Protein backbone atom coordinates (compact mmCIF):
# COMPACT_ATOMS: atom_id res chain seq x y z
CA MET A 1 0.00 0.00 0.00
CA VAL A 2 1.38 3.39 -1.02
CA LYS A 3 1.25 6.09 1.67
CA PHE A 4 1.65 9.86 1.82
CA GLY A 5 5.37 10.68 1.94
CA ASP A 6 6.56 7.39 0.40
CA ARG A 7 9.21 7.67 -2.29
CA VAL A 8 7.94 5.75 -5.30
CA ARG A 9 9.16 4.80 -8.76
CA LEU A 10 6.70 5.00 -11.67
CA VAL A 11 6.86 1.57 -13.34
CA ALA A 12 3.72 1.58 -15.52
CA ILE A 13 1.81 4.11 -17.58
CA PRO A 14 -1.99 4.00 -17.30
CA ASP A 15 -3.81 2.44 -20.25
CA GLU A 16 -6.13 5.42 -20.62
CA LEU A 17 -4.90 8.99 -20.33
CA PRO A 18 -6.92 12.19 -20.69
CA PRO A 19 -6.69 14.14 -23.94
CA ASP A 20 -4.33 17.09 -24.14
CA ALA A 21 -5.61 20.13 -22.27
CA GLU A 22 -4.26 22.75 -24.67
CA PRO A 23 -2.78 22.59 -28.15
CA GLY A 24 0.99 22.79 -27.95
CA SER A 25 1.12 21.62 -24.34
CA LEU A 26 2.97 18.49 -23.25
CA SER A 27 0.58 15.57 -23.73
CA ALA A 28 -0.33 13.38 -20.78
CA ASN A 29 1.30 10.44 -22.55
CA SER A 30 4.55 12.40 -23.03
CA LEU A 31 4.54 13.52 -19.40
CA PHE A 32 4.06 9.94 -18.15
CA GLN A 33 6.76 8.69 -20.55
CA ARG A 34 9.23 11.23 -19.11
CA CYS A 35 8.30 10.18 -15.56
CA LEU A 36 8.63 6.44 -16.21
CA GLY A 37 11.40 5.02 -14.02
CA ARG A 38 11.81 8.23 -11.99
CA VAL A 39 11.46 8.42 -8.21
CA SER A 40 9.11 10.98 -6.66
CA PRO A 41 7.54 11.49 -3.24
CA VAL A 42 3.82 10.85 -2.82
CA VAL A 43 2.27 14.25 -2.05
CA GLY A 44 -1.34 13.14 -1.86
CA ILE A 45 -3.73 10.22 -1.90
CA ASN A 46 -7.18 10.74 -3.44
CA GLU A 47 -10.48 9.08 -2.54
CA LEU A 48 -9.79 6.30 -5.06
CA GLY A 49 -6.43 5.52 -3.43
CA TRP A 50 -4.42 6.94 -6.31
CA ALA A 51 -1.10 8.62 -5.47
CA GLY A 52 -0.36 12.21 -6.42
CA LEU A 53 3.18 12.92 -7.60
CA GLU A 54 4.72 16.32 -8.31
CA VAL A 55 6.76 15.92 -11.49
CA GLY A 56 7.50 19.39 -12.84
CA GLU A 57 11.23 18.71 -12.88
CA VAL A 58 10.79 16.49 -15.95
CA THR A 59 9.89 19.65 -17.89
CA GLY A 60 12.66 21.75 -16.33
CA GLN A 61 10.42 23.46 -13.78
CA PRO A 62 10.02 23.21 -10.01
CA ALA A 63 8.43 19.88 -9.04
CA TYR A 64 5.13 21.47 -7.93
CA MET A 65 4.44 22.93 -11.40
CA ASP A 66 3.13 19.61 -12.82
CA SER A 67 1.50 16.67 -11.12
CA ILE A 68 0.14 13.27 -12.07
CA TRP A 69 -2.19 10.85 -10.31
CA VAL A 70 -1.30 7.18 -10.53
CA GLU A 71 -2.95 3.94 -9.48
CA PRO A 72 -0.82 2.19 -6.84
CA ARG A 73 -0.26 -0.80 -9.18
CA GLY A 74 1.83 1.53 -11.39
CA LEU A 75 4.22 2.37 -8.54
CA VAL A 76 6.95 0.65 -6.54
CA VAL A 77 7.94 1.99 -3.12
CA VAL A 78 11.67 2.81 -2.98
CA GLU A 79 13.55 2.52 0.29
């Protein structure tokens, strides 16, 4: 079970991702691809049990500038 504050590695990309929010923006698929294999802290858990990760650094910004929500089965806790 993934918990708030855990350091996790993204090991799987969700099968279904939302469409791009704005033309010219980084697509959800591209963002997840860049995050694959990276370690991030869990900064939130939603009502479905999905983990929130701040991942802005993959686009050269502070971590809090972009976030993704991931099902726990797509994550591995890193010690």
